[in-house]
Amino acid sequence: MRVSRLVLLVTVAFSGVAGANDNALVQSALSHATIVSSGEIASALNGNTAAALSDSVLRVIPIAPKFNVGVAVVRRSRVNGRTPPDALVHEAVTEVYQIVEGKGVLVTGGALQSAKPITDPAILGEIGPSSAGQAIVGGIRQRVGPGDIVVIPAGTPHGFVEVTTARIVYTLIRIDPKQVLRMSGKPHR
């Protein structure tokens, strides 16, 4: 009787493992991951080093049918020892920064001064419907540096008012629930 119970328990255990493995195979067949390699990020950073601002969109990934996720790397540099003006608000896209290099003071919240809608289709395809202003009035000033992660909800004015090092570099994830970002022709891996 003990042997029969042992055989029954082993049989049930193995059938559960087999079922779990089948389920894992089905899940992996139905979904995939996109990898943006460190080499691709480095390559984007090494291009266009003369510009004060470089926003290199690496991918716009459809998470069909619900939303897109944009992946970019951004570099902001001081010009003649000063931080260029930076005041934006994105109507539909939430941004997540992870600071990779450098330090600065980021303002979030408040209101854009002299806001004007961005109309350039190429820029709108990369950042979604947005407005730019001369400055941000009010808001919260926060120091950021390597390793910090900043989440900026859609509709929140934001901008670097001071880059305290020669440049600040961050990876940028754009969460796009309205699917307004332009799709990249790069293959998914």
N, C-alpha and C. Protein backbone atom coordinates (compact mmCIF):
# COMPACT_ATOMS: atom_id res chain seq x y z
N MET A 1 0.82 -1.18 0.00
CA MET A 1 0.00 0.00 0.00
C MET A 1 0.87 1.25 0.00
N ARG A 2 1.99 1.24 0.79
CA ARG A 2 2.89 2.39 0.84
C ARG A 2 3.52 2.63 -0.52
N VAL A 3 3.89 1.58 -1.22
CA VAL A 3 4.50 1.71 -2.54
C VAL A 3 3.49 2.34 -3.50
N SER A 4 2.24 1.96 -3.46
CA SER A 4 1.21 2.50 -4.35
C SER A 4 1.03 4.00 -4.10
N ARG A 5 1.02 4.40 -2.81
CA ARG A 5 0.88 5.83 -2.50
C ARG A 5 2.11 6.60 -3.01
N LEU A 6 3.28 6.03 -2.83
CA LEU A 6 4.50 6.67 -3.31
C LEU A 6 4.47 6.82 -4.83
N VAL A 7 4.06 5.76 -5.53
CA VAL A 7 3.97 5.81 -7.00
C VAL A 7 2.95 6.87 -7.41
N LEU A 8 1.82 6.93 -6.72
CA LEU A 8 0.79 7.91 -7.03
C LEU A 8 1.32 9.33 -6.81
N LEU A 9 2.02 9.59 -5.70
CA LEU A 9 2.58 10.92 -5.42
C LEU A 9 3.62 11.32 -6.46
N VAL A 10 4.51 10.41 -6.82
CA VAL A 10 5.53 10.69 -7.83
C VAL A 10 4.88 10.98 -9.18
N THR A 11 3.87 10.19 -9.55
CA THR A 11 3.17 10.39 -10.82
C THR A 11 2.50 11.75 -10.85
N VAL A 12 1.82 12.13 -9.78
CA VAL A 12 1.17 13.44 -9.71
C VAL A 12 2.21 14.56 -9.78
N ALA A 13 3.30 14.40 -9.05
CA ALA A 13 4.35 15.43 -9.05
C ALA A 13 4.94 15.62 -10.45
N PHE A 14 5.26 14.53 -11.14
CA PHE A 14 5.83 14.65 -12.48
C PHE A 14 4.82 15.20 -13.48
N SER A 15 3.56 14.84 -13.36
CA SER A 15 2.57 15.38 -14.29
C SER A 15 2.41 16.88 -14.07
N GLY A 16 2.53 17.34 -12.82
CA GLY A 16 2.48 18.78 -12.53
C GLY A 16 3.66 19.50 -13.13
N VAL A 17 4.86 18.89 -13.04
CA VAL A 17 6.06 19.50 -13.64
C VAL A 17 5.92 19.55 -15.14
N ALA A 18 5.45 18.47 -15.74
CA ALA A 18 5.28 18.44 -17.19
C ALA A 18 4.27 19.49 -17.61
N GLY A 19 3.18 19.62 -16.88
CA GLY A 19 2.19 20.64 -17.19
C GLY A 19 2.76 22.03 -17.07
N ALA A 20 3.55 22.26 -16.04
CA ALA A 20 4.18 23.57 -15.86
C ALA A 20 5.14 23.86 -17.00
N ASN A 21 5.92 22.86 -17.42
CA ASN A 21 6.85 23.05 -18.53
C ASN A 21 6.09 23.35 -19.82
N ASP A 22 4.98 22.62 -20.07
CA ASP A 22 4.18 22.90 -21.26
C ASP A 22 3.66 24.32 -21.22
N ASN A 23 3.18 24.77 -20.05
CA ASN A 23 2.67 26.10 -19.89
C ASN A 23 3.76 27.14 -20.15
N ALA A 24 4.97 26.90 -19.65
CA ALA A 24 6.10 27.82 -19.86
C ALA A 24 6.45 27.90 -21.34
N LEU A 25 6.39 26.77 -22.03
CA LEU A 25 6.67 26.78 -23.47
C LEU A 25 5.64 27.58 -24.22
N VAL A 26 4.37 27.43 -23.86
CA VAL A 26 3.31 28.20 -24.51
C VAL A 26 3.52 29.69 -24.24
N GLN A 27 3.82 30.07 -23.00
CA GLN A 27 4.03 31.48 -22.69
C GLN A 27 5.21 32.06 -23.45
N SER A 28 6.31 31.30 -23.55
CA SER A 28 7.46 31.84 -24.27
C SER A 28 7.19 31.93 -25.75
N ALA A 29 6.33 31.08 -26.27
CA ALA A 29 5.99 31.14 -27.69
C ALA A 29 5.09 32.33 -27.99
N LEU A 30 4.32 32.78 -27.00
CA LEU A 30 3.37 33.87 -27.21
C LEU A 30 3.97 35.25 -26.94
N SER A 31 5.09 35.34 -26.28
CA SER A 31 5.66 36.63 -25.95
C SER A 31 7.16 36.63 -26.22
N HIS A 32 7.72 37.82 -26.30
CA HIS A 32 9.17 37.94 -26.49
C HIS A 32 9.65 39.20 -25.79
N ALA A 33 10.91 39.32 -25.67
CA ALA A 33 11.52 40.49 -25.04
C ALA A 33 12.31 41.26 -26.09
N THR A 34 12.44 42.52 -25.88
CA THR A 34 13.27 43.36 -26.74
C THR A 34 14.47 43.79 -25.92
N ILE A 35 15.64 43.59 -26.47
CA ILE A 35 16.87 43.96 -25.77
C ILE A 35 17.50 45.14 -26.50
N VAL A 36 17.79 46.19 -25.75
CA VAL A 36 18.57 47.31 -26.25
C VAL A 36 19.93 47.16 -25.60
N SER A 37 20.92 46.82 -26.38
CA SER A 37 22.23 46.47 -25.83
C SER A 37 23.00 47.69 -25.36
N SER A 38 23.93 47.45 -24.46
CA SER A 38 24.79 48.53 -23.98
C SER A 38 25.62 49.09 -25.13
N GLY A 39 25.97 48.26 -26.10
CA GLY A 39 26.71 48.73 -27.27
C GLY A 39 25.89 49.70 -28.11
N GLU A 40 24.60 49.42 -28.25
CA GLU A 40 23.73 50.31 -29.00
C GLU A 40 23.57 51.65 -28.28
N ILE A 41 23.46 51.60 -26.95
CA ILE A 41 23.37 52.83 -26.16
C ILE A 41 24.65 53.63 -26.30
N ALA A 42 25.80 52.97 -26.18
CA ALA A 42 27.10 53.66 -26.31
C ALA A 42 27.26 54.28 -27.70
N SER A 43 26.83 53.56 -28.72
CA SER A 43 26.92 54.07 -30.09
C SER A 43 26.07 55.34 -30.24
N ALA A 44 24.88 55.34 -29.66
CA ALA A 44 24.02 56.53 -29.73
C ALA A 44 24.66 57.70 -29.00
N LEU A 45 25.32 57.43 -27.88
CA LEU A 45 25.97 58.50 -27.13
C LEU A 45 27.17 59.08 -27.86
N ASN A 46 27.86 58.25 -28.61
CA ASN A 46 29.06 58.70 -29.31
C ASN A 46 28.75 59.48 -30.57
N GLY A 47 27.51 59.39 -31.06
CA GLY A 47 27.12 60.15 -32.25
C GLY A 47 26.67 61.55 -31.87
N ASN A 48 26.83 62.50 -32.76
CA ASN A 48 26.35 63.86 -32.60
C ASN A 48 26.81 64.49 -31.28
N THR A 49 28.10 64.43 -31.01
CA THR A 49 28.63 64.95 -29.74
C THR A 49 28.72 66.47 -29.72
N ALA A 50 28.56 67.14 -30.86
CA ALA A 50 28.68 68.59 -30.89
C ALA A 50 27.41 69.29 -30.40
N ALA A 51 26.26 68.62 -30.48
CA ALA A 51 24.99 69.25 -30.11
C ALA A 51 24.85 69.36 -28.59
N ALA A 52 24.18 70.42 -28.14
CA ALA A 52 23.92 70.60 -26.70
C ALA A 52 22.90 69.57 -26.20
N LEU A 53 22.03 69.11 -27.10
CA LEU A 53 21.01 68.13 -26.76
C LEU A 53 21.02 67.03 -27.80
N SER A 54 21.07 65.80 -27.34
CA SER A 54 20.95 64.64 -28.23
C SER A 54 19.95 63.69 -27.60
N ASP A 55 18.80 63.50 -28.27
CA ASP A 55 17.76 62.57 -27.83
C ASP A 55 17.69 61.49 -28.90
N SER A 56 18.40 60.39 -28.66
CA SER A 56 18.50 59.32 -29.65
C SER A 56 17.47 58.24 -29.34
N VAL A 57 16.42 58.19 -30.15
CA VAL A 57 15.39 57.17 -29.99
C VAL A 57 15.94 55.87 -30.55
N LEU A 58 16.02 54.86 -29.68
CA LEU A 58 16.57 53.57 -30.09
C LEU A 58 15.48 52.61 -30.55
N ARG A 59 14.33 52.65 -29.93
CA ARG A 59 13.22 51.77 -30.29
C ARG A 59 11.90 52.41 -29.87
N VAL A 60 10.85 52.08 -30.59
CA VAL A 60 9.47 52.25 -30.13
C VAL A 60 8.86 50.87 -30.30
N ILE A 61 8.51 50.26 -29.18
CA ILE A 61 8.09 48.87 -29.15
C ILE A 61 6.59 48.80 -28.91
N PRO A 62 5.85 48.15 -29.84
CA PRO A 62 4.40 48.02 -29.61
C PRO A 62 4.13 46.90 -28.60
N ILE A 63 3.36 47.21 -27.61
CA ILE A 63 2.87 46.21 -26.67
C ILE A 63 1.39 46.08 -27.05
N ALA A 64 1.18 45.42 -28.18
CA ALA A 64 -0.13 45.40 -28.84
C ALA A 64 -1.16 44.67 -28.00
N PRO A 65 -2.36 45.08 -28.06
CA PRO A 65 -2.86 46.29 -28.75
C PRO A 65 -2.96 47.47 -27.81
N LYS A 66 -2.30 47.43 -26.66
CA LYS A 66 -2.58 48.39 -25.60
C LYS A 66 -1.76 49.68 -25.62
N PHE A 67 -0.44 49.60 -25.84
CA PHE A 67 0.39 50.80 -25.73
C PHE A 67 1.74 50.55 -26.41
N ASN A 68 2.54 51.61 -26.51
CA ASN A 68 3.91 51.53 -26.99
C ASN A 68 4.85 51.87 -25.85
N VAL A 69 6.09 51.39 -25.97
CA VAL A 69 7.15 51.78 -25.06
C VAL A 69 8.31 52.28 -25.93
N GLY A 70 8.69 53.52 -25.71
CA GLY A 70 9.83 54.08 -26.42
C GLY A 70 11.08 53.97 -25.56
N VAL A 71 12.21 53.71 -26.20
CA VAL A 71 13.49 53.61 -25.49
C VAL A 71 14.46 54.58 -26.16
N ALA A 72 15.05 55.45 -25.37
CA ALA A 72 15.98 56.44 -25.90
C ALA A 72 17.13 56.64 -24.93
N VAL A 73 18.16 57.32 -25.42
CA VAL A 73 19.25 57.76 -24.56
C VAL A 73 19.42 59.25 -24.86
N VAL A 74 19.52 60.04 -23.78
CA VAL A 74 19.57 61.49 -23.92
C VAL A 74 20.86 62.02 -23.29
N ARG A 75 21.44 63.00 -23.99
CA ARG A 75 22.63 63.69 -23.46
C ARG A 75 22.35 65.18 -23.53
N ARG A 76 22.50 65.87 -22.40
CA ARG A 76 22.37 67.32 -22.34
C ARG A 76 23.72 67.87 -21.88
N SER A 77 24.24 68.81 -22.65
CA SER A 77 25.56 69.38 -22.34
C SER A 77 25.43 70.86 -22.03
N ARG A 78 26.34 71.34 -21.21
CA ARG A 78 26.44 72.76 -20.96
C ARG A 78 27.01 73.42 -22.21
N VAL A 79 26.62 74.67 -22.46
CA VAL A 79 27.13 75.43 -23.60
C VAL A 79 27.74 76.72 -23.04
N ASN A 80 29.04 76.91 -23.31
CA ASN A 80 29.75 78.08 -22.77
C ASN A 80 29.55 78.20 -21.26
N GLY A 81 29.59 77.06 -20.58
CA GLY A 81 29.49 77.04 -19.13
C GLY A 81 28.07 77.21 -18.59
N ARG A 82 27.06 77.26 -19.47
CA ARG A 82 25.68 77.49 -19.03
C ARG A 82 24.77 76.34 -19.48
N THR A 83 23.68 76.18 -18.75
CA THR A 83 22.68 75.17 -19.10
C THR A 83 21.66 75.79 -20.05
N PRO A 84 21.49 75.22 -21.26
CA PRO A 84 20.47 75.76 -22.18
C PRO A 84 19.07 75.62 -21.59
N PRO A 85 18.15 76.51 -21.97
CA PRO A 85 16.78 76.43 -21.47
C PRO A 85 16.14 75.07 -21.79
N ASP A 86 15.35 74.58 -20.86
CA ASP A 86 14.71 73.27 -21.00
C ASP A 86 13.41 73.30 -20.23
N ALA A 87 12.29 73.39 -20.93
CA ALA A 87 10.98 73.42 -20.28
C ALA A 87 9.96 72.78 -21.22
N LEU A 88 9.51 71.59 -20.86
CA LEU A 88 8.60 70.81 -21.71
C LEU A 88 7.45 70.25 -20.91
N VAL A 89 6.40 69.89 -21.62
CA VAL A 89 5.32 69.08 -21.06
C VAL A 89 4.83 68.16 -22.19
N HIS A 90 4.69 66.89 -21.88
CA HIS A 90 4.19 65.90 -22.84
C HIS A 90 2.76 65.57 -22.44
N GLU A 91 1.83 65.74 -23.37
CA GLU A 91 0.41 65.55 -23.07
C GLU A 91 0.04 64.09 -22.85
N ALA A 92 0.64 63.18 -23.60
CA ALA A 92 0.17 61.79 -23.61
C ALA A 92 1.19 60.77 -23.14
N VAL A 93 2.44 61.17 -22.98
CA VAL A 93 3.52 60.21 -22.73
C VAL A 93 4.12 60.43 -21.34
N THR A 94 4.23 59.35 -20.57
CA THR A 94 4.94 59.36 -19.29
C THR A 94 6.39 59.00 -19.57
N GLU A 95 7.32 59.70 -18.92
CA GLU A 95 8.74 59.42 -19.12
C GLU A 95 9.37 58.89 -17.83
N VAL A 96 10.31 57.95 -18.01
CA VAL A 96 11.08 57.40 -16.89
C VAL A 96 12.55 57.56 -17.25
N TYR A 97 13.28 58.36 -16.47
CA TYR A 97 14.72 58.58 -16.67
C TYR A 97 15.49 57.71 -15.69
N GLN A 98 16.64 57.20 -16.14
CA GLN A 98 17.64 56.69 -15.21
C GLN A 98 18.94 57.40 -15.55
N ILE A 99 19.43 58.17 -14.58
CA ILE A 99 20.64 58.96 -14.80
C ILE A 99 21.83 58.00 -14.84
N VAL A 100 22.62 58.10 -15.92
CA VAL A 100 23.77 57.23 -16.13
C VAL A 100 25.07 57.95 -15.79
N GLU A 101 25.12 59.24 -16.12
CA GLU A 101 26.36 60.01 -15.95
C GLU A 101 26.00 61.47 -15.71
N GLY A 102 26.77 62.13 -14.86
CA GLY A 102 26.60 63.56 -14.64
C GLY A 102 25.56 63.88 -13.58
N LYS A 103 25.44 65.17 -13.30
CA LYS A 103 24.52 65.63 -12.26
C LYS A 103 23.82 66.89 -12.74
N GLY A 104 22.65 67.15 -12.16
CA GLY A 104 21.92 68.35 -12.52
C GLY A 104 20.79 68.61 -11.56
N VAL A 105 20.09 69.72 -11.82
CA VAL A 105 18.90 70.09 -11.06
C VAL A 105 17.72 70.04 -12.02
N LEU A 106 16.75 69.20 -11.70
CA LEU A 106 15.57 68.99 -12.52
C LEU A 106 14.38 69.63 -11.82
N VAL A 107 13.58 70.38 -12.57
CA VAL A 107 12.35 70.95 -12.05
C VAL A 107 11.19 70.16 -12.64
N THR A 108 10.24 69.75 -11.78
CA THR A 108 9.03 69.09 -12.22
C THR A 108 7.83 69.77 -11.59
N GLY A 109 6.73 69.80 -12.33
CA GLY A 109 5.52 70.45 -11.84
C GLY A 109 5.51 71.92 -12.23
N GLY A 110 4.63 72.69 -11.60
CA GLY A 110 4.52 74.10 -11.94
C GLY A 110 3.82 74.28 -13.27
N ALA A 111 4.21 75.33 -13.99
CA ALA A 111 3.59 75.65 -15.28
C ALA A 111 4.65 76.17 -16.24
N LEU A 112 4.44 75.90 -17.52
CA LEU A 112 5.35 76.43 -18.54
C LEU A 112 5.09 77.91 -18.74
N GLN A 113 6.16 78.68 -18.83
CA GLN A 113 6.06 80.10 -19.15
C GLN A 113 6.09 80.23 -20.67
N SER A 114 5.15 80.99 -21.25
CA SER A 114 5.06 81.21 -22.70
C SER A 114 5.05 79.89 -23.47
N ALA A 115 4.18 78.96 -23.07
CA ALA A 115 4.10 77.64 -23.70
C ALA A 115 3.59 77.74 -25.13
N LYS A 116 4.23 76.97 -26.00
CA LYS A 116 3.81 76.87 -27.40
C LYS A 116 3.83 75.41 -27.80
N PRO A 117 2.78 74.94 -28.49
CA PRO A 117 2.77 73.55 -28.94
C PRO A 117 3.92 73.28 -29.91
N ILE A 118 4.51 72.12 -29.80
CA ILE A 118 5.53 71.68 -30.75
C ILE A 118 4.80 71.15 -31.98
N THR A 119 5.19 71.62 -33.16
CA THR A 119 4.48 71.24 -34.38
C THR A 119 5.32 70.42 -35.35
N ASP A 120 6.61 70.32 -35.13
CA ASP A 120 7.48 69.57 -36.03
C ASP A 120 7.11 68.08 -35.98
N PRO A 121 6.65 67.49 -37.11
CA PRO A 121 6.21 66.09 -37.10
C PRO A 121 7.31 65.11 -36.67
N ALA A 122 8.56 65.39 -37.01
CA ALA A 122 9.66 64.49 -36.62
C ALA A 122 9.82 64.46 -35.10
N ILE A 123 9.73 65.63 -34.47
CA ILE A 123 9.86 65.69 -33.02
C ILE A 123 8.63 65.06 -32.35
N LEU A 124 7.44 65.35 -32.88
CA LEU A 124 6.22 64.78 -32.31
C LEU A 124 6.22 63.26 -32.39
N GLY A 125 6.82 62.71 -33.45
CA GLY A 125 6.91 61.27 -33.58
C GLY A 125 7.81 60.64 -32.54
N GLU A 126 8.76 61.41 -32.02
CA GLU A 126 9.67 60.90 -31.00
C GLU A 126 9.18 61.12 -29.57
N ILE A 127 8.46 62.22 -29.31
CA ILE A 127 8.06 62.55 -27.93
C ILE A 127 6.55 62.63 -27.73
N GLY A 128 5.77 62.59 -28.80
CA GLY A 128 4.32 62.70 -28.69
C GLY A 128 3.90 64.15 -28.57
N PRO A 129 2.57 64.40 -28.55
CA PRO A 129 2.07 65.77 -28.45
C PRO A 129 2.66 66.46 -27.22
N SER A 130 3.29 67.62 -27.46
CA SER A 130 4.03 68.29 -26.39
C SER A 130 4.03 69.79 -26.62
N SER A 131 4.37 70.51 -25.57
CA SER A 131 4.57 71.95 -25.65
C SER A 131 5.91 72.28 -25.01
N ALA A 132 6.52 73.37 -25.51
CA ALA A 132 7.78 73.86 -24.95
C ALA A 132 7.55 75.28 -24.46
N GLY A 133 8.29 75.65 -23.42
CA GLY A 133 8.17 77.00 -22.89
C GLY A 133 9.54 77.62 -22.67
N GLN A 134 9.54 78.89 -22.27
CA GLN A 134 10.80 79.57 -21.99
C GLN A 134 11.39 79.12 -20.67
N ALA A 135 10.53 78.77 -19.72
CA ALA A 135 10.97 78.35 -18.38
C ALA A 135 9.78 77.69 -17.69
N ILE A 136 10.04 77.18 -16.48
CA ILE A 136 8.99 76.61 -15.65
C ILE A 136 8.80 77.53 -14.45
N VAL A 137 7.57 77.93 -14.23
CA VAL A 137 7.23 78.77 -13.09
C VAL A 137 6.70 77.85 -12.00
N GLY A 138 7.29 77.94 -10.80
CA GLY A 138 6.89 77.05 -9.71
C GLY A 138 7.55 75.69 -9.90
N GLY A 139 6.92 74.66 -9.44
CA GLY A 139 7.49 73.32 -9.54
C GLY A 139 8.44 73.03 -8.40
N ILE A 140 8.97 71.84 -8.42
CA ILE A 140 9.88 71.37 -7.38
C ILE A 140 11.25 71.13 -7.99
N ARG A 141 12.28 71.71 -7.39
CA ARG A 141 13.67 71.54 -7.83
C ARG A 141 14.27 70.35 -7.08
N GLN A 142 14.88 69.43 -7.85
CA GLN A 142 15.51 68.27 -7.22
C GLN A 142 16.85 68.00 -7.88
N ARG A 143 17.85 67.71 -7.07
CA ARG A 143 19.16 67.32 -7.59
C ARG A 143 19.11 65.85 -7.98
N VAL A 144 19.66 65.54 -9.15
CA VAL A 144 19.71 64.15 -9.61
C VAL A 144 21.13 63.82 -10.05
N GLY A 145 21.46 62.54 -9.97
CA GLY A 145 22.79 62.08 -10.36
C GLY A 145 22.76 60.60 -10.69
N PRO A 146 23.92 60.03 -10.99
CA PRO A 146 24.01 58.64 -11.44
C PRO A 146 23.26 57.67 -10.53
N GLY A 147 22.47 56.82 -11.18
CA GLY A 147 21.70 55.80 -10.47
C GLY A 147 20.28 56.24 -10.13
N ASP A 148 20.01 57.56 -10.11
CA ASP A 148 18.67 58.03 -9.78
C ASP A 148 17.70 57.68 -10.91
N ILE A 149 16.46 57.37 -10.52
CA ILE A 149 15.38 57.13 -11.46
C ILE A 149 14.31 58.18 -11.20
N VAL A 150 13.83 58.81 -12.28
CA VAL A 150 12.83 59.86 -12.19
C VAL A 150 11.64 59.44 -13.05
N VAL A 151 10.43 59.47 -12.48
CA VAL A 151 9.21 59.16 -13.23
C VAL A 151 8.44 60.47 -13.39
N ILE A 152 8.20 60.86 -14.64
CA ILE A 152 7.51 62.11 -14.94
C ILE A 152 6.19 61.77 -15.64
N PRO A 153 5.06 61.86 -14.91
CA PRO A 153 3.77 61.52 -15.52
C PRO A 153 3.41 62.46 -16.68
N ALA A 154 2.64 61.94 -17.63
CA ALA A 154 2.14 62.77 -18.72
C ALA A 154 1.45 63.99 -18.13
N GLY A 155 1.62 65.14 -18.79
CA GLY A 155 1.00 66.38 -18.33
C GLY A 155 1.79 67.15 -17.29
N THR A 156 2.98 66.65 -16.91
CA THR A 156 3.81 67.29 -15.89
C THR A 156 4.92 68.11 -16.54
N PRO A 157 4.93 69.43 -16.36
CA PRO A 157 6.04 70.23 -16.87
C PRO A 157 7.36 69.75 -16.24
N HIS A 158 8.43 69.77 -17.03
CA HIS A 158 9.72 69.32 -16.51
C HIS A 158 10.85 69.90 -17.34
N GLY A 159 12.02 69.98 -16.72
CA GLY A 159 13.19 70.44 -17.44
C GLY A 159 14.38 70.60 -16.52
N PHE A 160 15.57 70.47 -17.10
CA PHE A 160 16.80 70.70 -16.34
C PHE A 160 17.07 72.20 -16.32
N VAL A 161 17.11 72.77 -15.12
CA VAL A 161 17.43 74.19 -14.99
C VAL A 161 18.92 74.39 -14.77
N GLU A 162 19.59 73.31 -14.39
CA GLU A 162 21.04 73.40 -14.20
C GLU A 162 21.66 72.02 -14.42
N VAL A 163 22.64 71.96 -15.31
CA VAL A 163 23.49 70.78 -15.45
C VAL A 163 24.78 71.17 -14.74
N THR A 164 25.09 70.49 -13.63
CA THR A 164 26.20 70.91 -12.78
C THR A 164 27.53 70.28 -13.18
N THR A 165 27.51 69.33 -14.10
CA THR A 165 28.71 68.73 -14.66
C THR A 165 28.76 69.13 -16.14
N ALA A 166 29.78 68.75 -16.85
CA ALA A 166 29.88 69.12 -18.27
C ALA A 166 28.67 68.63 -19.06
N ARG A 167 28.15 67.47 -18.67
CA ARG A 167 26.97 66.94 -19.34
C ARG A 167 26.24 65.99 -18.38
N ILE A 168 24.98 65.72 -18.72
CA ILE A 168 24.22 64.71 -18.00
C ILE A 168 23.67 63.75 -19.05
N VAL A 169 23.75 62.46 -18.75
CA VAL A 169 23.31 61.41 -19.67
C VAL A 169 22.31 60.53 -18.94
N TYR A 170 21.20 60.22 -19.63
CA TYR A 170 20.22 59.33 -19.01
C TYR A 170 19.53 58.47 -20.06
N THR A 171 19.19 57.27 -19.64
CA THR A 171 18.33 56.45 -20.49
C THR A 171 16.91 56.91 -20.23
N LEU A 172 16.07 56.75 -21.22
CA LEU A 172 14.72 57.28 -21.16
C LEU A 172 13.74 56.25 -21.69
N ILE A 173 12.77 55.92 -20.88
CA ILE A 173 11.68 55.03 -21.28
C ILE A 173 10.44 55.91 -21.41
N ARG A 174 9.78 55.85 -22.56
CA ARG A 174 8.55 56.61 -22.78
C ARG A 174 7.37 55.63 -22.82
N ILE A 175 6.45 55.80 -21.90
CA ILE A 175 5.26 54.95 -21.83
C ILE A 175 4.15 55.68 -22.57
N ASP A 176 3.66 55.04 -23.61
CA ASP A 176 2.80 55.68 -24.60
C ASP A 176 1.45 54.96 -24.71
N PRO A 177 0.50 55.23 -23.80
CA PRO A 177 -0.77 54.50 -23.83
C PRO A 177 -1.66 54.86 -25.02
N LYS A 178 -1.44 56.01 -25.65
CA LYS A 178 -2.25 56.42 -26.79
C LYS A 178 -1.60 56.05 -28.13
N GLN A 179 -0.44 55.42 -28.07
CA GLN A 179 0.29 54.96 -29.25
C GLN A 179 0.53 56.08 -30.26
N VAL A 180 1.08 57.20 -29.75
CA VAL A 180 1.36 58.36 -30.59
C VAL A 180 2.81 58.40 -31.06
N LEU A 181 3.70 57.61 -30.47
CA LEU A 181 5.10 57.62 -30.86
C LEU A 181 5.29 56.90 -32.19
N ARG A 182 6.24 57.38 -32.98
CA ARG A 182 6.52 56.79 -34.29
C ARG A 182 7.23 55.45 -34.10
N MET A 183 6.83 54.48 -34.87
CA MET A 183 7.44 53.16 -34.79
C MET A 183 8.81 53.17 -35.47
N SER A 184 9.77 52.53 -34.83
CA SER A 184 11.12 52.41 -35.38
C SER A 184 11.19 51.23 -36.33
N GLY A 185 12.04 51.33 -37.33
CA GLY A 185 12.22 50.23 -38.26
C GLY A 185 13.22 49.19 -37.77
N LYS A 186 13.72 49.36 -36.55
CA LYS A 186 14.74 48.43 -36.05
C LYS A 186 14.10 47.11 -35.64
N PRO A 187 14.81 46.01 -35.85
CA PRO A 187 14.24 44.71 -35.50
C PRO A 187 14.18 44.51 -34.01
N HIS A 188 13.20 43.70 -33.59
CA HIS A 188 13.09 43.33 -32.18
C HIS A 188 13.98 42.12 -31.92
N ARG A 189 14.62 42.10 -30.72
CA ARG A 189 15.46 40.96 -30.35
C ARG A 189 15.01 40.43 -29.03
